[in-house]
Amino acid sequence: MTQRLQVLLEDAEFDEIRAIARRHRMTVAEWVRQAMRLARRDEPAVESTRKLAMVRESVRGAYPTAPIDAMLAEIERGRAGDLGA
């Protein structure tokens, strides 16, 4: 399903966008869709406050840890199905 979006622009701004679209050999509508896709791509997927909360949580260090050799051995035991060791 598609949705229509109406945007009001000053004549000068619209003329500038039209000229840019022509240079790219596309319609104004297609140029606007591509510009909006680029703008969305630049937006972070997660809100910055949520990202900061995740970083702060990870800094607290309340996660299981061990020497790397012990961790790798535990992973291998899990892969082999030997979790009782």
C-alpha atoms as a PDB file:
ATOM      1  CA  MET A   1       0.000   0.000   0.000  1.00  0.00           C
ATOM      2  CA  THR A   2       1.263   3.483  -0.753  1.00  0.00           C
ATOM      3  CA  GLN A   3       0.553   6.747   0.997  1.00  0.00           C
ATOM      4  CA  ARG A   4       0.431  10.247  -0.407  1.00  0.00           C
ATOM      5  CA  LEU A   5       2.457  12.979   1.290  1.00  0.00           C
ATOM      6  CA  GLN A   6       1.813  16.625   0.558  1.00  0.00           C
ATOM      7  CA  VAL A   7       4.615  19.082   1.225  1.00  0.00           C
ATOM      8  CA  LEU A   8       4.281  22.815   0.646  1.00  0.00           C
ATOM      9  CA  LEU A   9       7.409  24.594  -0.593  1.00  0.00           C
ATOM     10  CA  GLU A  10       8.227  28.135  -1.546  1.00  0.00           C
ATOM     11  CA  ASP A  11       8.446  28.623  -5.321  1.00  0.00           C
ATOM     12  CA  ALA A  12      12.192  29.218  -5.236  1.00  0.00           C
ATOM     13  CA  GLU A  13      12.825  26.068  -3.216  1.00  0.00           C
ATOM     14  CA  PHE A  14      10.636  23.979  -5.509  1.00  0.00           C
ATOM     15  CA  ASP A  15      12.397  25.388  -8.592  1.00  0.00           C
ATOM     16  CA  GLU A  16      15.751  24.452  -7.114  1.00  0.00           C
ATOM     17  CA  ILE A  17      14.582  20.906  -6.358  1.00  0.00           C
ATOM     18  CA  ARG A  18      13.112  20.575  -9.851  1.00  0.00           C
ATOM     19  CA  ALA A  19      16.442  21.663 -11.389  1.00  0.00           C
ATOM     20  CA  ILE A  20      18.338  19.131  -9.276  1.00  0.00           C
ATOM     21  CA  ALA A  21      15.907  16.368 -10.246  1.00  0.00           C
ATOM     22  CA  ARG A  22      16.313  17.240 -13.931  1.00  0.00           C
ATOM     23  CA  ARG A  23      20.104  17.057 -13.617  1.00  0.00           C
ATOM     24  CA  HIS A  24      19.670  13.555 -12.227  1.00  0.00           C
ATOM     25  CA  ARG A  25      17.163  12.713 -14.986  1.00  0.00           C
ATOM     26  CA  MET A  26      14.361  11.887 -12.592  1.00  0.00           C
ATOM     27  CA  THR A  27      11.034  13.303 -11.544  1.00  0.00           C
ATOM     28  CA  VAL A  28      10.734  15.592  -8.555  1.00  0.00           C
ATOM     29  CA  ALA A  29       8.741  12.864  -6.784  1.00  0.00           C
ATOM     30  CA  GLU A  30      11.480  10.269  -7.293  1.00  0.00           C
ATOM     31  CA  TRP A  31      14.178  12.708  -6.228  1.00  0.00           C
ATOM     32  CA  VAL A  32      12.233  13.494  -3.038  1.00  0.00           C
ATOM     33  CA  ARG A  33      11.705   9.763  -2.311  1.00  0.00           C
ATOM     34  CA  GLN A  34      15.437   9.117  -2.687  1.00  0.00           C
ATOM     35  CA  ALA A  35      16.314  12.135  -0.526  1.00  0.00           C
ATOM     36  CA  MET A  36      13.963  10.876   2.177  1.00  0.00           C
ATOM     37  CA  ARG A  37      15.479   7.368   2.002  1.00  0.00           C
ATOM     38  CA  LEU A  38      18.942   8.864   2.475  1.00  0.00           C
ATOM     39  CA  ALA A  39      17.722  10.948   5.412  1.00  0.00           C
ATOM     40  CA  ARG A  40      16.164   7.873   7.050  1.00  0.00           C
ATOM     41  CA  ARG A  41      19.357   5.881   6.529  1.00  0.00           C
ATOM     42  CA  ASP A  42      21.319   8.566   8.381  1.00  0.00           C
ATOM     43  CA  GLU A  43      18.978   8.411  11.367  1.00  0.00           C
ATOM     44  CA  PRO A  44      20.128   6.103  14.171  1.00  0.00           C
ATOM     45  CA  ALA A  45      18.127   2.894  14.461  1.00  0.00           C
ATOM     46  CA  VAL A  46      18.019   3.249  18.240  1.00  0.00           C
ATOM     47  CA  GLU A  47      17.261   6.414  20.169  1.00  0.00           C
ATOM     48  CA  SER A  48      20.419   7.952  21.660  1.00  0.00           C
ATOM     49  CA  THR A  49      19.118   7.841  25.242  1.00  0.00           C
ATOM     50  CA  ARG A  50      18.483   4.112  24.852  1.00  0.00           C
ATOM     51  CA  LYS A  51      21.972   3.605  23.420  1.00  0.00           C
ATOM     52  CA  LEU A  52      23.487   5.462  26.369  1.00  0.00           C
ATOM     53  CA  ALA A  53      21.490   3.341  28.803  1.00  0.00           C
ATOM     54  CA  MET A  54      22.827   0.172  27.148  1.00  0.00           C
ATOM     55  CA  VAL A  55      26.403   1.456  27.326  1.00  0.00           C
ATOM     56  CA  ARG A  56      26.004   2.404  30.988  1.00  0.00           C
ATOM     57  CA  GLU A  57      24.546  -1.037  31.726  1.00  0.00           C
ATOM     58  CA  SER A  58      27.474  -2.768  30.041  1.00  0.00           C
ATOM     59  CA  VAL A  59      30.016  -0.638  31.923  1.00  0.00           C
ATOM     60  CA  ARG A  60      28.655  -1.882  35.226  1.00  0.00           C
ATOM     61  CA  GLY A  61      30.230  -5.218  34.331  1.00  0.00           C
ATOM     62  CA  ALA A  62      27.475  -7.376  35.781  1.00  0.00           C
ATOM     63  CA  TYR A  63      28.035 -10.051  33.150  1.00  0.00           C
ATOM     64  CA  PRO A  64      29.649 -13.458  33.495  1.00  0.00           C
ATOM     65  CA  THR A  65      33.335 -13.401  32.703  1.00  0.00           C
ATOM     66  CA  ALA A  66      36.330 -15.690  32.957  1.00  0.00           C
ATOM     67  CA  PRO A  67      39.795 -16.057  31.516  1.00  0.00           C
ATOM     68  CA  ILE A  68      39.557 -16.470  27.741  1.00  0.00           C
ATOM     69  CA  ASP A  69      40.878 -20.058  27.818  1.00  0.00           C
ATOM     70  CA  ALA A  70      38.185 -21.073  30.300  1.00  0.00           C
ATOM     71  CA  MET A  71      35.465 -19.345  28.272  1.00  0.00           C
ATOM     72  CA  LEU A  72      36.566 -21.018  25.027  1.00  0.00           C
ATOM     73  CA  ALA A  73      36.715 -24.423  26.735  1.00  0.00           C
ATOM     74  CA  GLU A  74      33.198 -23.903  28.095  1.00  0.00           C
ATOM     75  CA  ILE A  75      31.927 -22.961  24.629  1.00  0.00           C
ATOM     76  CA  GLU A  76      33.502 -26.079  23.128  1.00  0.00           C
ATOM     77  CA  ARG A  77      31.969 -28.263  25.863  1.00  0.00           C
ATOM     78  CA  GLY A  78      28.582 -26.727  25.062  1.00  0.00           C
ATOM     79  CA  ARG A  79      29.016 -27.443  21.364  1.00  0.00           C
ATOM     80  CA  ALA A  80      29.930 -31.050  22.163  1.00  0.00           C
ATOM     81  CA  GLY A  81      26.839 -31.373  24.377  1.00  0.00           C
ATOM     82  CA  ASP A  82      28.899 -31.804  27.544  1.00  0.00           C
ATOM     83  CA  LEU A  83      27.424 -29.106  29.771  1.00  0.00           C
ATOM     84  CA  GLY A  84      27.845 -31.038  33.034  1.00  0.00           C
ATOM     85  CA  ALA A  85      31.600 -30.417  33.319  1.00  0.00           C
END
